[in-house]
Amino acid sequence: MAEKKTPAGRMVKIRLFKDNSRYKGDLFVSVNGVNYKIRRGVEVEVPAAVAEVLEHSQMQDERTAARIAAAENAAQ
């Protein structure tokens, strides 16, 4: 990821997954009361805090999917 400093902090480039179904719209993110609308499918620069929030969200989604799969296997 490329980095650039601004008064708001370090900026990083990210690219959000885009398809023609569930992940086609822009993504809304709010960090410390500041709102961001991020386009999918193109490389954009966002503050490092926004990239961190997105990374944590993805990690939590993965953990949730693993717990659901484990619960389904236990129920069989």
Foldseek 3Di string as FASTA:
>chain_A
DDWDADPVGIKDKDAAADDPPDRPAWDWDADPNDIDTHHHPDIDIDHPVRVVVVVVVVVVVVVVVVVVVVVVVVVD
